[in-house]
């Protein structure tokens, strides 16, 4: 399994724990519907196949529809929430915001996961959702965005959106490590690794190096797989390598966002893991 795949598998497991009770499994026998608390419209989670559940996630990097059923959006008013929260009563201020700001793009949000998460994140920010919930929602949003990458390549608009979300996750993770740190050392190291890897992928290898080095130094506490990955990514950061492996190959998000980067400062594209 490629190291990037193993990394996001770990993230998927962690995210399910972060989101916790706010997410419930979809019906495994038939497609489950949800009733909007604002206008009683019945709708389906975006991309749901009716048989996917959070506990079934193995890798959010592969082209799967599983993760999109975590969020549902109303096609009439645009209200969006985790599937487990969607039909709960909504306060008047939220209702006013939805009707005034989200209705115009309601149909898109009910059909396109990118817009579903845009609506969802706006509402989470408005209610000042907990740090860990915001981290999870933003990371899921990056997975949805990354699926828009053209096969074997990149798109400037997509990369800018992915980078903007990642920068928000970086800020939230740093705040969580200060204000709501994990209780166990291993989990804290996993967060440090995630913070370092996201920092590397947005092009800030100088700040990524000490974070990844810290995770690498305590690799035995991280476990064999994640510990080895921490050291591999720490070495990449030391070489100013900002390339990312993903389901369709290898891409340099930094170069895609800023195509005029001096080529002498950008490392040569690495061979994808598993390539012959």
Protein backbone atom coordinates (compact mmCIF):
# COMPACT_ATOMS: atom_id res chain seq x y z
CA UNK A 1 0.00 0.00 0.00
CA UNK A 2 1.48 3.41 -0.97
CA UNK A 3 2.57 5.57 1.96
CA UNK A 4 0.05 8.28 1.04
CA UNK A 5 -2.72 5.70 1.10
CA UNK A 6 -1.62 4.43 4.51
CA UNK A 7 -1.46 8.00 5.80
CA UNK A 8 -5.00 8.89 4.73
CA UNK A 9 -6.27 5.55 6.04
CA UNK A 10 -5.00 6.64 9.45
CA UNK A 11 -6.63 10.02 9.01
CA UNK A 12 -9.93 8.37 8.07
CA UNK A 13 -9.92 6.35 11.27
CA UNK A 14 -9.07 9.42 13.32
CA UNK A 15 -11.76 11.52 11.68
CA UNK A 16 -14.45 8.99 12.44
CA UNK A 17 -13.45 9.25 16.11
CA UNK A 18 -13.33 13.06 16.01
CA UNK A 19 -16.79 13.39 14.55
CA UNK A 20 -18.14 10.81 16.95
CA UNK A 21 -21.83 10.81 17.72
CA UNK A 22 -22.68 13.56 15.25
CA UNK A 23 -22.47 10.98 12.46
CA UNK A 24 -24.61 7.88 12.17
CA UNK A 25 -24.47 5.04 9.68
CA UNK A 26 -26.68 5.01 6.62
CA UNK A 27 -29.24 2.23 6.22
CA UNK A 28 -27.49 -0.86 4.90
CA UNK A 29 -30.57 -2.29 3.18
CA UNK A 30 -32.11 0.65 1.29
CA UNK A 31 -31.34 4.27 0.58
CA UNK A 32 -32.15 6.31 3.63
CA UNK A 33 -33.88 9.67 3.24
CA UNK A 34 -33.75 12.73 5.48
CA UNK A 35 -36.37 15.39 6.13
CA UNK A 36 -35.26 19.02 6.14
CA UNK A 37 -36.20 20.69 9.45
CA UNK A 38 -36.86 24.00 7.67
CA UNK A 39 -39.23 23.11 4.84
CA UNK A 40 -39.88 19.35 5.32
CA UNK A 41 -38.30 18.50 1.96
CA UNK A 42 -37.21 14.87 1.77
CA UNK A 43 -33.72 14.37 0.40
CA UNK A 44 -30.84 11.92 0.14
CA UNK A 45 -27.20 12.31 1.20
CA UNK A 46 -25.00 13.37 -1.72
CA UNK A 47 -23.39 10.40 -3.41
CA UNK A 48 -24.91 7.84 -1.03
CA UNK A 49 -25.22 4.33 -2.36
CA UNK A 50 -27.36 3.42 0.63
CA UNK A 51 -24.88 0.83 1.83
CA UNK A 52 -21.97 2.95 3.02
CA UNK A 53 -21.29 3.83 6.62
CA UNK A 54 -18.47 5.64 8.43
CA UNK A 55 -17.31 2.41 10.01
CA UNK A 56 -16.73 0.98 6.52
CA UNK A 57 -14.20 3.61 5.48
CA UNK A 58 -10.79 2.25 4.67
CA UNK A 59 -9.21 4.96 2.53
CA UNK A 60 -10.64 8.37 1.70
CA UNK A 61 -8.21 8.81 -1.18
CA UNK A 62 -9.72 6.21 -3.47
CA UNK A 63 -12.64 7.11 -5.76
CA UNK A 64 -15.42 6.10 -3.45
CA UNK A 65 -18.79 7.62 -2.62
CA UNK A 66 -18.71 6.43 0.97
CA UNK A 67 -17.57 9.59 2.68
CA UNK A 68 -20.06 11.88 0.94
CA UNK A 69 -22.98 10.39 2.83
CA UNK A 70 -21.69 12.00 6.01
CA UNK A 71 -23.35 15.26 4.98
CA UNK A 72 -26.75 15.97 3.46
CA UNK A 73 -28.12 19.20 1.98
CA UNK A 74 -31.70 20.24 1.28
CA UNK A 75 -32.36 20.83 -2.45
CA UNK A 76 -34.97 23.50 -1.69
CA UNK A 77 -33.41 25.77 0.98
CA UNK A 78 -29.77 24.66 1.05
CA UNK A 79 -29.58 23.74 4.73
CA UNK A 80 -26.75 21.22 5.26
CA UNK A 81 -25.58 19.12 8.20
CA UNK A 82 -24.08 15.78 9.20
CA UNK A 83 -26.61 13.05 8.47
CA UNK A 84 -27.10 12.46 12.20
CA UNK A 85 -27.91 16.13 12.82
CA UNK A 86 -29.81 17.04 9.67
CA UNK A 87 -33.39 16.59 10.85
CA UNK A 88 -32.92 18.20 14.25
CA UNK A 89 -34.64 21.55 14.98
CA UNK A 90 -32.83 24.66 13.73
CA UNK A 91 -32.67 27.95 15.62
CA UNK A 92 -34.27 31.07 14.05
CA UNK A 93 -30.94 32.80 13.37
CA UNK A 94 -29.64 29.81 11.42
CA UNK A 95 -32.89 29.53 9.51
CA UNK A 96 -32.71 33.21 8.55
CA UNK A 97 -29.12 32.80 7.34
CA UNK A 98 -30.00 29.70 5.30
CA UNK A 99 -32.95 31.34 3.58
CA UNK A 100 -31.01 34.55 2.94
CA UNK A 101 -27.68 33.09 1.85
CA UNK A 102 -27.91 29.44 0.82
CA UNK A 103 -31.19 29.03 -1.05
CA UNK A 104 -29.79 30.20 -4.39
CA UNK A 105 -27.28 27.36 -4.51
CA UNK A 106 -29.49 24.78 -2.79
CA UNK A 107 -29.88 22.55 -5.83
CA UNK A 108 -26.13 22.50 -6.42
CA UNK A 109 -25.49 21.67 -2.77
CA UNK A 110 -27.91 18.74 -2.97
CA UNK A 111 -26.20 17.33 -6.05
CA UNK A 112 -22.51 18.27 -5.84
CA UNK A 113 -20.40 17.23 -2.81
CA UNK A 114 -18.19 20.31 -3.22
CA UNK A 115 -21.19 22.58 -2.69
CA UNK A 116 -22.61 20.33 0.03
CA UNK A 117 -19.48 20.87 2.09
CA UNK A 118 -19.38 24.59 1.29
CA UNK A 119 -22.84 24.98 2.78
CA UNK A 120 -21.99 22.70 5.68
CA UNK A 121 -18.79 24.54 6.59
CA UNK A 122 -20.53 27.92 6.48
CA UNK A 123 -23.11 26.68 8.97
CA UNK A 124 -20.51 25.05 11.22
CA UNK A 125 -18.59 28.33 11.37
CA UNK A 126 -21.74 30.28 12.19
CA UNK A 127 -22.53 28.08 15.16
CA UNK A 128 -18.90 28.10 16.29
CA UNK A 129 -18.61 24.32 16.10
CA UNK A 130 -16.01 22.55 18.28
CA UNK A 131 -12.43 22.52 17.02
CA UNK A 132 -12.31 18.79 16.33
CA UNK A 133 -15.57 18.86 14.41
CA UNK A 134 -14.27 21.73 12.27
CA UNK A 135 -11.02 19.87 11.61
CA UNK A 136 -12.90 16.76 10.49
CA UNK A 137 -15.33 18.68 8.27
CA UNK A 138 -12.56 20.64 6.58
CA UNK A 139 -10.50 17.54 5.92
CA UNK A 140 -13.49 15.77 4.37
CA UNK A 141 -13.96 18.88 2.21
CA UNK A 142 -10.40 18.55 0.91
CA UNK A 143 -11.06 14.94 -0.14
CA UNK A 144 -14.13 16.05 -2.07
CA UNK A 145 -12.16 18.84 -3.74
CA UNK A 146 -9.28 16.54 -4.66
CA UNK A 147 -11.61 14.29 -6.61
CA UNK A 148 -12.02 17.21 -9.03
CA UNK A 149 -8.39 16.96 -10.10
CA UNK A 150 -8.08 15.89 -13.73
CA UNK A 151 -6.74 12.38 -14.11
CA UNK A 152 -2.99 12.40 -13.76
CA UNK A 153 -2.75 16.16 -13.38
CA UNK A 154 -3.89 19.24 -11.54
CA UNK A 155 -6.09 22.30 -11.95
CA UNK A 156 -5.11 25.71 -10.61
CA UNK A 157 -8.58 26.54 -9.24
CA UNK A 158 -8.92 23.16 -7.54
CA UNK A 159 -5.46 23.39 -6.01
CA UNK A 160 -6.12 26.87 -4.66
CA UNK A 161 -9.30 25.66 -3.00
CA UNK A 162 -7.58 22.59 -1.56
CA UNK A 163 -4.73 24.74 -0.27
CA UNK A 164 -7.11 27.27 1.33
CA UNK A 165 -8.93 24.50 3.19
CA UNK A 166 -5.67 22.89 4.27
CA UNK A 167 -4.43 26.20 5.66
CA UNK A 168 -7.60 26.44 7.73
CA UNK A 169 -7.04 22.89 9.03
CA UNK A 170 -3.45 23.80 9.92
CA UNK A 171 -4.64 26.75 12.00
CA UNK A 172 -7.33 24.67 13.68
CA UNK A 173 -4.96 21.79 14.42
CA UNK A 174 -2.40 24.13 15.94
CA UNK A 175 -5.12 25.64 18.12
CA UNK A 176 -6.40 22.21 19.12
CA UNK A 177 -2.92 21.09 20.14
CA UNK A 178 -2.70 24.15 22.39
CA UNK A 179 -6.23 24.28 23.78
CA UNK A 180 -7.62 20.74 23.51
CA UNK A 181 -4.67 18.35 23.16
CA UNK A 182 -5.14 14.59 22.98
CA UNK A 183 -4.74 12.69 26.22
CA UNK A 184 -2.37 10.05 24.88
CA UNK A 185 1.12 10.64 23.53
CA UNK A 186 0.50 8.50 20.45
CA UNK A 187 -2.57 10.49 19.43
CA UNK A 188 -0.72 13.75 20.02
CA UNK A 189 2.08 12.52 17.75
CA UNK A 190 -0.47 11.59 15.08
CA UNK A 191 -1.79 15.16 15.23
CA UNK A 192 1.74 16.55 15.05
CA UNK A 193 2.40 14.36 12.02
CA UNK A 194 -0.82 15.48 10.33
CA UNK A 195 0.00 19.12 11.06
CA UNK A 196 3.50 18.69 9.66
CA UNK A 197 2.38 16.86 6.54
CA UNK A 198 -0.33 19.40 5.70
CA UNK A 199 2.18 22.19 6.30
CA UNK A 200 4.57 20.51 3.86
CA UNK A 201 1.84 20.14 1.24
CA UNK A 202 0.97 23.84 1.32
CA UNK A 203 4.62 24.63 0.57
CA UNK A 204 5.88 25.68 4.01
CA UNK A 205 8.61 23.09 4.34
CA UNK A 206 10.59 25.15 6.88
CA UNK A 207 7.80 24.90 9.46
CA UNK A 208 6.96 21.34 8.40
CA UNK A 209 10.49 20.05 9.10
CA UNK A 210 10.50 20.34 12.92
CA UNK A 211 7.00 18.91 13.20
CA UNK A 212 7.75 15.88 11.07
CA UNK A 213 11.15 15.50 12.74
CA UNK A 214 9.44 15.42 16.13
CA UNK A 215 7.10 12.68 14.95
CA UNK A 216 10.00 10.77 13.40
CA UNK A 217 12.10 11.04 16.57
CA UNK A 218 9.36 9.27 18.53
CA UNK A 219 8.54 6.87 15.69
CA UNK A 220 8.39 3.82 17.95
CA UNK A 221 5.50 5.42 19.82
CA UNK A 222 3.71 6.03 16.52
CA UNK A 223 3.84 2.42 15.45
CA UNK A 224 5.81 0.82 12.63
CA UNK A 225 3.85 2.14 9.65
CA UNK A 226 3.14 5.70 10.74
CA UNK A 227 6.56 6.00 12.33
CA UNK A 228 8.25 5.06 9.07
CA UNK A 229 6.02 7.49 7.17
CA UNK A 230 6.89 10.31 9.57
CA UNK A 231 10.58 9.82 8.85
CA UNK A 232 10.00 9.60 5.09
CA UNK A 233 7.99 12.83 5.06
CA UNK A 234 10.51 14.54 7.33
CA UNK A 235 13.21 13.75 4.77
CA UNK A 236 11.02 15.17 2.00
CA UNK A 237 10.50 18.38 3.97
CA UNK A 238 14.25 18.70 4.48
CA UNK A 239 14.62 18.63 0.67
CA UNK A 240 11.80 21.14 0.15
CA UNK A 241 9.76 18.44 -1.55
CA UNK A 242 6.09 19.48 -1.69
CA UNK A 243 4.81 16.74 -4.00
CA UNK A 244 1.74 14.75 -3.05
CA UNK A 245 0.78 11.21 -3.98
CA UNK A 246 -2.91 10.74 -4.61
CA UNK A 247 -5.21 8.25 -6.29
CA UNK A 248 -4.31 9.23 -9.88
CA UNK A 249 -0.58 9.76 -9.51
CA UNK A 250 1.71 12.48 -8.20
CA UNK A 251 1.08 16.22 -8.23
CA UNK A 252 2.83 19.29 -6.89
CA UNK A 253 0.00 21.48 -5.52
CA UNK A 254 2.37 24.39 -4.83
CA UNK A 255 3.57 24.52 -8.43
CA UNK A 256 -0.01 24.24 -9.68
CA UNK A 257 -1.07 27.25 -7.62
CA UNK A 258 2.05 29.24 -8.50
CA UNK A 259 3.18 27.92 -11.91
CA UNK A 260 5.86 30.63 -12.22
CA UNK A 261 7.88 29.24 -9.30
CA UNK A 262 11.61 29.25 -10.01
CA UNK A 263 12.27 25.68 -11.25
CA UNK A 264 15.59 25.62 -9.37
CA UNK A 265 13.65 25.67 -6.08
CA UNK A 266 11.24 22.90 -7.01
CA UNK A 267 12.45 19.30 -6.75
CA UNK A 268 12.08 16.96 -9.70
CA UNK A 269 8.84 15.00 -9.76
CA UNK A 270 9.32 11.76 -7.84
CA UNK A 271 8.40 8.35 -9.18
CA UNK A 272 4.96 7.31 -7.81
CA UNK A 273 5.12 4.66 -5.12
CA UNK A 274 4.85 1.22 -6.66
CA UNK A 275 5.97 2.37 -10.11
CA UNK A 276 8.32 0.07 -11.99
